[in-house]
Amino acid sequence: MTTYVISVPGTFTSGIGADARTRLARALRPADPHGTRMGSAEDLDVLSLNEDNTFTLRLTVEADTGPHAEEEARRLADSALRDAGLDEGNAPLGPAIITGIDSEVR
């Protein structure tokens, strides 16, 4: 198994409140990239929010292949958004992409 850092972009179509943002961050905590050497060194936040309501989720997943890692990251992102009370209609996601590979986790 290899540890991948996957970026999943998206847009909050109606913004995001502080409560939903807190719930989303909590739901994503297990996949936080700070647990990898790369995520820690580059200070990768699990959720980056831009002024135009676009966002990027940076998730750490373990998988056998890159495509499986992207698929798992997308599943984690969808689940975390639902846990935060958001769905595809108010937080559509773009394609997941591999932004790093780190085989040693702290």
Protein backbone atom coordinates (compact mmCIF):
# COMPACT_ATOMS: atom_id res chain seq x y z
CA MET A 1 0.00 0.00 0.00
CA THR A 2 1.10 3.51 -0.76
CA THR A 3 -0.02 6.71 0.93
CA TYR A 4 -1.28 9.33 -1.51
CA VAL A 5 -2.17 12.97 -0.96
CA ILE A 6 -5.15 13.71 -3.18
CA SER A 7 -6.62 17.13 -3.94
CA VAL A 8 -10.34 17.38 -4.60
CA PRO A 9 -11.55 20.82 -5.77
CA GLY A 10 -15.07 22.09 -5.40
CA THR A 11 -17.36 25.09 -5.04
CA PHE A 12 -19.76 26.05 -2.27
CA THR A 13 -22.59 27.36 -4.43
CA SER A 14 -24.28 29.19 -1.55
CA GLY A 15 -21.29 29.75 0.74
CA ILE A 16 -20.51 27.82 3.89
CA GLY A 17 -21.29 28.78 7.46
CA ALA A 18 -18.92 28.40 10.39
CA ASP A 19 -20.86 25.42 11.79
CA ALA A 20 -20.80 23.52 8.50
CA ARG A 21 -17.11 24.30 8.07
CA THR A 22 -16.37 22.94 11.56
CA ARG A 23 -18.39 19.77 10.87
CA LEU A 24 -16.61 19.31 7.53
CA ALA A 25 -13.16 19.71 9.10
CA ARG A 26 -14.10 17.21 11.84
CA ALA A 27 -15.35 14.67 9.27
CA LEU A 28 -12.11 15.03 7.29
CA ARG A 29 -9.78 14.80 10.29
CA PRO A 30 -8.84 11.10 9.73
CA ALA A 31 -7.65 11.94 6.20
CA ASP A 32 -5.66 15.07 7.21
CA PRO A 33 -2.44 15.30 5.15
CA HIS A 34 -0.50 16.62 8.16
CA GLY A 35 0.00 12.95 9.08
CA THR A 36 2.43 12.54 6.19
CA ARG A 37 5.97 13.86 5.86
CA MET A 38 4.95 15.88 2.81
CA GLY A 39 1.77 17.29 4.38
CA SER A 40 3.61 18.34 7.49
CA ALA A 41 6.58 19.84 5.63
CA GLU A 42 4.37 21.74 3.18
CA ASP A 43 1.73 22.61 5.82
CA LEU A 44 -1.11 21.22 3.72
CA ASP A 45 -4.48 22.03 5.20
CA VAL A 46 -7.27 19.51 4.78
CA LEU A 47 -9.62 22.34 3.69
CA SER A 48 -8.57 25.48 1.82
CA LEU A 49 -11.35 27.99 1.13
CA ASN A 50 -10.99 30.84 -1.35
CA GLU A 51 -12.87 34.16 -1.33
CA ASP A 52 -14.95 33.10 -4.35
CA ASN A 53 -16.31 30.05 -2.43
CA THR A 54 -14.12 27.60 -4.33
CA PHE A 55 -12.30 25.14 -2.11
CA THR A 56 -9.78 22.34 -2.15
CA LEU A 57 -9.87 19.28 0.06
CA ARG A 58 -6.45 17.66 0.53
CA LEU A 59 -6.86 14.11 1.72
CA THR A 60 -4.49 11.33 2.64
CA VAL A 61 -5.54 7.87 1.49
CA GLU A 62 -3.83 4.51 1.29
CA ALA A 63 -4.31 2.54 -1.89
CA ASP A 64 -2.62 0.08 -4.22
CA THR A 65 -2.84 2.34 -7.27
CA GLY A 66 -3.31 5.99 -8.15
CA PRO A 67 -6.79 5.50 -9.65
CA HIS A 68 -7.91 3.64 -6.52
CA ALA A 69 -6.53 6.48 -4.38
CA GLU A 70 -8.45 9.08 -6.40
CA GLU A 71 -11.63 7.01 -6.11
CA GLU A 72 -11.22 6.62 -2.34
CA ALA A 73 -10.53 10.35 -1.89
CA ARG A 74 -13.66 11.20 -3.83
CA ARG A 75 -15.68 8.81 -1.64
CA LEU A 76 -14.22 10.36 1.54
CA ALA A 77 -14.93 13.87 0.29
CA ASP A 78 -18.55 13.03 -0.61
CA SER A 79 -19.10 11.39 2.78
CA ALA A 80 -17.57 14.29 4.72
CA LEU A 81 -19.68 16.83 2.83
CA ARG A 82 -22.84 14.85 3.60
CA ASP A 83 -21.81 14.64 7.28
CA ALA A 84 -21.50 18.44 7.25
CA GLY A 85 -25.02 18.79 5.81
CA LEU A 86 -23.85 19.56 2.27
CA ASP A 87 -24.54 17.68 -0.95
CA GLU A 88 -23.69 17.69 -4.66
CA GLY A 89 -26.14 20.55 -5.20
CA ASN A 90 -24.52 23.04 -2.83
CA ALA A 91 -20.94 21.70 -2.90
CA PRO A 92 -20.19 20.11 -6.30
CA LEU A 93 -16.77 18.50 -6.57
CA GLY A 94 -14.29 18.49 -9.42
CA PRO A 95 -12.02 15.63 -10.39
CA ALA A 96 -9.71 14.20 -7.72
CA ILE A 97 -6.02 14.40 -8.60
CA ILE A 98 -2.87 13.01 -7.02
CA THR A 99 -0.76 15.83 -5.64
CA GLY A 100 1.75 13.74 -3.70
CA ILE A 101 2.91 10.26 -2.81
CA ASP A 102 4.35 9.50 0.62
CA SER A 103 5.04 5.93 1.65
CA GLU A 104 6.11 6.75 5.23
CA VAL A 105 3.48 7.99 7.67
CA ARG A 106 4.44 9.31 11.11
